[in-house]
Protein backbone atom coordinates (compact mmCIF):
# COMPACT_ATOMS: atom_id res chain seq x y z
CA MET A 1 164.00 68.40 29.23
CA ASP A 2 161.73 68.56 26.17
CA GLN A 3 160.15 71.76 24.87
CA GLN A 4 156.73 71.05 26.38
CA ALA A 5 158.18 70.42 29.83
CA ALA A 6 160.22 73.62 29.58
CA HIS A 7 157.11 75.55 28.54
CA ASP A 8 155.13 74.09 31.46
CA ASN A 9 157.86 75.11 33.89
CA VAL A 10 157.89 78.68 32.59
CA LEU A 11 154.09 78.78 32.73
CA ARG A 12 154.06 77.66 36.38
CA SER A 13 156.75 80.17 37.26
CA ARG A 14 154.90 83.09 35.68
CA LEU A 15 151.61 82.03 37.26
CA ALA A 16 153.28 81.91 40.67
CA GLU A 17 154.82 85.36 40.14
CA VAL A 18 151.51 86.95 39.15
CA GLU A 19 149.64 85.27 42.00
CA GLU A 20 152.22 86.46 44.51
CA LEU A 21 151.82 90.03 43.25
CA ARG A 22 148.01 89.76 43.34
CA ALA A 23 148.05 88.36 46.89
CA ARG A 24 150.29 91.19 48.04
CA ALA A 25 148.06 93.83 46.43
CA LEU A 26 144.96 92.29 48.02
CA SER A 27 146.62 92.25 51.43
CA GLU A 28 147.36 95.96 51.02
CA ALA A 29 143.80 96.80 49.91
CA ILE A 30 142.83 98.03 53.35
CA GLY A 31 139.47 99.76 53.49
CA LYS A 32 138.20 98.47 50.16
CA SER A 33 134.85 96.69 50.24
CA ASN A 34 134.59 93.14 48.90
CA ILE A 35 131.35 92.76 46.97
CA SER A 36 129.62 90.38 44.57
CA VAL A 37 128.75 91.10 40.95
CA ASN A 38 125.14 91.52 42.05
CA ASP A 39 126.14 94.37 44.38
CA ALA A 40 127.81 96.32 41.56
CA ALA A 41 124.49 97.03 39.81
CA VAL A 42 122.99 98.23 43.11
CA ILE A 43 125.92 100.59 43.74
CA ILE A 44 125.67 102.11 40.25
CA ALA A 45 121.89 102.55 40.59
CA ARG A 46 122.35 104.38 43.89
CA LYS A 47 124.83 106.77 42.29
CA CYS A 48 122.39 107.44 39.44
CA ARG A 49 119.64 108.24 41.93
CA ALA A 50 121.90 110.63 43.85
CA GLY A 51 120.93 113.42 41.46
CA ARG A 52 124.35 114.07 39.93
CA PRO A 53 124.32 116.48 36.98
CA HIS A 54 126.16 114.09 34.66
CA ARG A 55 125.81 110.49 33.52
CA ILE A 56 127.39 108.01 35.90
CA VAL A 57 130.49 106.34 34.46
CA ALA A 58 131.45 103.06 36.13
CA GLY A 59 134.70 101.24 35.38
CA VAL A 60 135.37 97.49 35.46
CA CYS A 61 139.00 96.36 35.40
CA GLY A 62 140.84 93.08 35.91
CA PHE A 63 143.06 90.44 34.29
CA PRO A 64 142.71 89.46 30.63
CA ALA A 65 139.91 86.85 30.37
CA SER A 66 138.75 87.56 33.93
CA GLY A 67 135.20 88.16 32.71
CA LYS A 68 135.10 91.95 32.62
CA THR A 69 132.93 92.07 29.50
CA THR A 70 130.55 89.46 30.90
CA MET A 71 130.25 91.37 34.16
CA ALA A 72 129.72 94.72 32.43
CA LYS A 73 127.01 93.34 30.14
CA TRP A 74 125.31 91.61 33.06
CA VAL A 75 125.28 94.80 35.15
CA VAL A 76 123.94 96.81 32.19
CA GLY A 77 121.27 94.17 31.63
CA GLN A 78 120.19 94.31 35.27
CA LEU A 79 119.94 98.10 35.24
CA ASN A 80 117.95 98.10 32.00
CA GLU A 81 115.63 95.41 33.32
CA HIS A 82 114.86 97.39 36.46
CA TYR A 83 114.81 100.95 35.10
CA GLY A 84 113.89 100.53 31.45
CA PRO A 85 115.65 99.92 28.11
CA GLY A 86 118.53 102.28 27.44
CA TYR A 87 119.02 103.25 31.08
CA ALA A 88 122.56 101.81 31.00
CA ALA A 89 125.07 101.13 28.23
CA HIS A 90 128.24 99.08 27.83
CA LEU A 91 131.42 100.69 26.49
CA PRO A 92 134.40 98.34 25.94
CA MET A 93 137.91 99.78 26.15
CA ASP A 94 138.93 97.52 23.24
CA GLY A 95 137.05 99.84 20.89
CA PHE A 96 139.87 102.29 21.49
CA HIS A 97 142.62 100.04 20.14
CA TYR A 98 144.65 101.69 17.43
CA ARG A 99 143.77 100.28 14.04
CA ASN A 100 145.77 97.28 12.83
CA SER A 101 147.40 99.36 10.09
CA ARG A 102 148.86 101.74 12.68
CA LEU A 103 149.97 98.91 14.96
CA GLU A 104 151.78 97.29 12.03
CA ARG A 105 153.34 100.60 11.01
CA ASP A 106 154.62 101.21 14.53
CA GLY A 107 155.75 97.62 15.09
CA LEU A 108 153.20 97.05 17.85
CA ASP A 109 151.05 94.37 16.21
CA GLY A 110 152.90 91.62 18.09
CA ILE A 111 151.89 93.05 21.48
CA LYS A 112 148.31 94.07 20.72
CA GLY A 113 146.58 94.48 24.05
CA ASP A 114 149.53 96.23 25.64
CA ILE A 115 148.73 99.64 27.13
CA SER A 116 150.72 101.29 24.32
CA THR A 117 148.32 99.89 21.69
CA TYR A 118 145.34 101.95 22.90
CA ASP A 119 144.28 105.44 21.93
CA VAL A 120 143.97 106.67 25.51
CA ASN A 121 143.40 110.27 24.41
CA GLY A 122 140.45 109.12 22.32
CA LEU A 123 139.09 107.26 25.33
CA VAL A 124 139.44 110.34 27.53
CA GLU A 125 137.65 112.47 24.95
CA LYS A 126 134.79 109.97 24.62
CA LEU A 127 134.29 109.57 28.38
CA SER A 128 134.34 113.35 28.74
CA GLU A 129 131.71 113.60 26.01
CA VAL A 130 129.58 110.94 27.71
CA ARG A 131 129.60 112.90 30.96
CA ARG A 132 129.39 116.41 29.50
CA HIS A 133 126.47 115.72 27.14
CA GLY A 134 124.29 113.87 29.61
CA HIS A 135 121.12 114.17 27.55
CA SER A 136 122.52 113.63 24.06
CA THR A 137 122.97 110.51 21.97
CA ILE A 138 126.66 109.57 21.79
CA LEU A 139 128.33 107.31 19.22
CA ALA A 140 131.41 105.30 20.22
CA PRO A 141 133.70 102.71 18.60
CA ASP A 142 133.51 98.98 19.23
CA TYR A 143 135.93 96.10 18.69
CA VAL A 144 134.87 93.29 16.36
CA ARG A 145 136.71 90.15 17.49
CA GLU A 146 135.88 88.24 14.32
CA MET A 147 137.72 90.91 12.34
CA HIS A 148 140.27 91.74 15.06
CA GLU A 149 139.60 95.37 14.20
CA VAL A 150 137.93 98.53 15.49
CA ARG A 151 134.60 99.63 14.01
CA GLU A 152 133.90 103.34 14.36
CA SER A 153 130.54 104.63 15.66
CA ALA A 154 129.30 101.07 16.20
CA ILE A 155 127.94 101.74 19.70
CA GLU A 156 125.04 104.10 20.30
CA ILE A 157 124.57 105.49 23.80
CA PRO A 158 121.02 106.87 23.80
CA ALA A 159 120.10 110.25 25.24
CA SER A 160 118.12 108.38 27.91
CA THR A 161 121.19 106.56 29.24
CA ARG A 162 122.03 107.44 32.84
CA ALA A 163 124.92 105.00 33.42
CA VAL A 164 127.77 103.88 31.18
CA VAL A 165 129.87 100.87 32.18
CA VAL A 166 133.33 100.98 30.60
CA GLU A 167 135.53 97.90 30.98
CA GLY A 168 139.08 96.93 30.15
CA ILE A 169 142.39 95.76 31.59
CA TYR A 170 143.70 99.30 32.13
CA ILE A 171 140.53 101.13 33.13
CA GLY A 172 141.57 102.99 36.27
CA TYR A 173 145.31 102.73 35.63
CA THR A 174 147.23 105.80 36.73
CA ASP A 175 150.45 107.05 35.15
CA LYS A 176 151.48 110.00 37.33
CA GLY A 177 149.50 112.73 35.64
CA GLY A 178 149.38 111.21 32.16
CA ALA A 179 146.34 110.49 30.01
CA TRP A 180 145.51 107.21 31.77
CA SER A 181 145.25 109.09 35.06
CA LYS A 182 142.65 111.32 33.38
CA VAL A 183 140.53 108.22 32.69
CA ARG A 184 140.45 107.51 36.42
CA THR A 185 139.21 111.03 37.19
CA LEU A 186 136.26 110.46 34.82
CA LEU A 187 135.05 107.36 36.69
CA ASP A 188 132.43 107.76 39.40
CA VAL A 189 133.17 104.27 40.66
CA LEU A 190 135.76 101.59 39.80
CA PHE A 191 135.31 97.85 40.29
CA TYR A 192 138.20 95.37 40.20
CA LEU A 193 137.03 91.90 39.15
CA ASN A 194 139.18 89.54 41.23
CA ILE A 195 139.76 86.27 39.36
CA GLY A 196 142.84 84.06 39.74
CA ALA A 197 145.49 84.02 37.04
CA ASP A 198 145.15 80.24 36.65
CA VAL A 199 141.49 80.54 35.66
CA CYS A 200 142.31 83.35 33.22
CA VAL A 201 145.10 81.33 31.60
CA GLU A 202 142.74 78.39 31.04
CA ARG A 203 140.26 80.74 29.37
CA ILE A 204 142.94 82.41 27.24
CA ILE A 205 144.15 79.06 25.95
CA ALA A 206 140.60 77.86 25.25
CA ARG A 207 139.66 81.06 23.42
CA ASN A 208 142.70 80.95 21.17
CA ARG A 209 142.26 77.27 20.36
CA ALA A 210 138.60 77.91 19.55
CA VAL A 211 139.58 80.35 16.78
CA GLY A 212 142.16 77.96 15.37
CA ARG A 213 145.39 79.51 16.61
CA GLY A 214 148.41 77.23 16.83
CA GLU A 215 150.25 76.38 20.03
CA GLU A 216 153.21 78.68 19.29
CA MET A 217 150.91 81.64 18.75
CA ILE A 218 149.05 80.79 21.96
CA LYS A 219 152.33 80.70 23.89
CA ARG A 220 153.28 84.15 22.59
CA LYS A 221 149.89 85.53 23.55
CA LEU A 222 150.14 83.99 27.02
CA TRP A 223 153.50 85.62 27.68
CA ASN A 224 152.03 88.98 26.60
CA ASP A 225 149.02 88.44 28.85
CA PHE A 226 151.19 87.76 31.89
CA TYR A 227 152.75 91.18 31.37
CA PHE A 228 149.29 92.74 31.04
CA MET A 229 148.21 91.00 34.27
CA LYS A 230 151.01 92.65 36.21
CA ARG A 231 149.84 96.07 35.07
CA ALA A 232 146.24 95.17 35.95
CA ILE A 233 147.36 94.43 39.52
CA ASN A 234 148.39 98.08 39.78
CA VAL A 235 144.82 99.05 38.89
CA LEU A 236 143.54 97.02 41.85
CA ARG A 237 145.02 99.66 44.15
CA GLU A 238 142.88 102.34 42.47
CA ALA A 239 139.60 100.42 42.70
CA ASP A 240 136.76 101.42 45.00
CA TYR A 241 135.43 97.86 45.25
CA ILE A 242 136.90 94.39 44.79
CA VAL A 243 134.40 92.09 43.11
CA TYR A 244 134.18 88.37 43.81
CA PRO A 245 131.75 86.39 41.60
CA SER A 246 129.04 84.74 43.67
CA ALA A 247 128.47 81.00 43.57
CA GLY A 248 126.92 80.03 40.25
CA GLU A 249 128.03 83.19 38.46
CA ASP A 250 130.28 82.64 35.46
CA HIS A 251 132.16 85.93 35.14
């Protein structure tokens, strides 16, 4: 068996494993509502209108390359279109990656994207600030993919913002009383974007090829992403809603 055939066999095996875990988690998701991306904006708007004393914080979680960022930006765009500019803001979890220098120092640069490569305490502090200072302008970090690095204070959440949509693989993950569990307590609603692992793998490969990465690097990233997918399945159990893209939506 040549190397490519061996790689393809491993890929099929890992896909099957992840899909089996996802199917099991979905079968156990009794009582969770299945909604479309369109419904998510409506649900967030209703929570904003409920007169809560703090900004609404909505979470979007799911597999790597499932379309979380696309969904979050679309929902924010819909809310701003209906209620005015600045009504909603997007906050990506990737802005809370540790800097590359720290990842290299700690030997974590080869698994960037793993839950251990995020500053979860910084994320908790920022989400707390977003909620606590509901009528203040908040600055937050962003992740610049072209640089593969965090940029501090790159996102401005205006004082007028009533809803913040935070998205990432581990948004909603619980770790038995640890810092990630605190993130879940700061979310007013959590959406799990349900996209098959096969679709995500195709997107991961295409993205990496588009930036000129070689096949060996892509393989290493794929194996990392399969591990991240398994952890994301655990988040599904914490979600309030399971989101299925409607026909014609590319999320």
